[in-house]
């Protein structure tokens, strides 16, 4: 069991993936925009309702 775990960890350490920074920032900005839009919609919907 330990041998399998060790080889898996070593294989994961040896592989190196390049990360496209522009794509990562784009996904982050898109996600942030969606979340802000949902917060705005929630606040707009709640503004017309009476408080209990």
C-alpha atoms as a PDB file:
ATOM      1  CA  UNK A   1       0.000   0.000   0.000  1.00  0.00           C
ATOM      2  CA  UNK A   2       2.774   2.401   0.902  1.00  0.00           C
ATOM      3  CA  UNK A   3       4.580   1.649  -2.331  1.00  0.00           C
ATOM      4  CA  UNK A   4       1.512   2.551  -4.406  1.00  0.00           C
ATOM      5  CA  UNK A   5       1.035   5.761  -2.453  1.00  0.00           C
ATOM      6  CA  UNK A   6       4.698   6.686  -2.826  1.00  0.00           C
ATOM      7  CA  UNK A   7       4.710   6.102  -6.587  1.00  0.00           C
ATOM      8  CA  UNK A   8       1.493   8.102  -6.975  1.00  0.00           C
ATOM      9  CA  UNK A   9       2.941  11.047  -5.071  1.00  0.00           C
ATOM     10  CA  UNK A  10       6.196  10.907  -7.035  1.00  0.00           C
ATOM     11  CA  UNK A  11       4.305  10.772 -10.341  1.00  0.00           C
ATOM     12  CA  UNK A  12       2.216  13.770  -9.316  1.00  0.00           C
ATOM     13  CA  UNK A  13       5.336  15.739  -8.363  1.00  0.00           C
ATOM     14  CA  UNK A  14       7.072  14.974 -11.654  1.00  0.00           C
ATOM     15  CA  UNK A  15       4.240  16.175 -13.873  1.00  0.00           C
ATOM     16  CA  UNK A  16       4.241  19.909 -14.465  1.00  0.00           C
ATOM     17  CA  UNK A  17       1.368  21.751 -16.068  1.00  0.00           C
ATOM     18  CA  UNK A  18       1.608  25.251 -17.429  1.00  0.00           C
ATOM     19  CA  UNK A  19      -1.226  27.463 -16.258  1.00  0.00           C
ATOM     20  CA  UNK A  20      -2.581  30.053 -18.647  1.00  0.00           C
ATOM     21  CA  UNK A  21      -2.713  33.123 -16.407  1.00  0.00           C
ATOM     22  CA  UNK A  22      -5.023  35.067 -18.729  1.00  0.00           C
ATOM     23  CA  UNK A  23      -7.548  32.232 -18.689  1.00  0.00           C
ATOM     24  CA  UNK A  24      -7.353  31.947 -14.907  1.00  0.00           C
ATOM     25  CA  UNK A  25      -7.924  35.710 -14.476  1.00  0.00           C
ATOM     26  CA  UNK A  26     -10.759  35.610 -17.025  1.00  0.00           C
ATOM     27  CA  UNK A  27     -12.543  32.829 -15.154  1.00  0.00           C
ATOM     28  CA  UNK A  28     -12.064  34.709 -11.889  1.00  0.00           C
ATOM     29  CA  UNK A  29     -13.432  37.967 -13.283  1.00  0.00           C
ATOM     30  CA  UNK A  30     -16.381  36.169 -14.872  1.00  0.00           C
ATOM     31  CA  UNK A  31     -17.185  34.400 -11.603  1.00  0.00           C
ATOM     32  CA  UNK A  32     -16.918  37.639  -9.649  1.00  0.00           C
ATOM     33  CA  UNK A  33     -19.210  39.381 -12.154  1.00  0.00           C
ATOM     34  CA  UNK A  34     -21.814  36.637 -11.844  1.00  0.00           C
ATOM     35  CA  UNK A  35     -21.701  36.785  -8.053  1.00  0.00           C
ATOM     36  CA  UNK A  36     -22.034  40.587  -8.009  1.00  0.00           C
ATOM     37  CA  UNK A  37     -24.941  40.307 -10.433  1.00  0.00           C
ATOM     38  CA  UNK A  38     -26.673  37.804  -8.168  1.00  0.00           C
ATOM     39  CA  UNK A  39     -26.113  40.027  -5.124  1.00  0.00           C
ATOM     40  CA  UNK A  40     -27.520  43.022  -7.026  1.00  0.00           C
ATOM     41  CA  UNK A  41     -30.565  40.992  -8.089  1.00  0.00           C
ATOM     42  CA  UNK A  42     -31.118  39.820  -4.513  1.00  0.00           C
ATOM     43  CA  UNK A  43     -30.934  43.354  -3.161  1.00  0.00           C
ATOM     44  CA  UNK A  44     -33.218  44.691  -5.916  1.00  0.00           C
ATOM     45  CA  UNK A  45     -35.766  41.953  -5.231  1.00  0.00           C
ATOM     46  CA  UNK A  46     -35.665  42.541  -1.478  1.00  0.00           C
ATOM     47  CA  UNK A  47     -36.018  46.322  -1.761  1.00  0.00           C
ATOM     48  CA  UNK A  48     -39.669  46.120  -2.800  1.00  0.00           C
ATOM     49  CA  UNK A  49     -40.757  43.772  -0.039  1.00  0.00           C
ATOM     50  CA  UNK A  50     -42.052  44.659   3.384  1.00  0.00           C
ATOM     51  CA  UNK A  51     -40.010  43.723   6.391  1.00  0.00           C
ATOM     52  CA  UNK A  52     -41.619  41.530   8.986  1.00  0.00           C
END
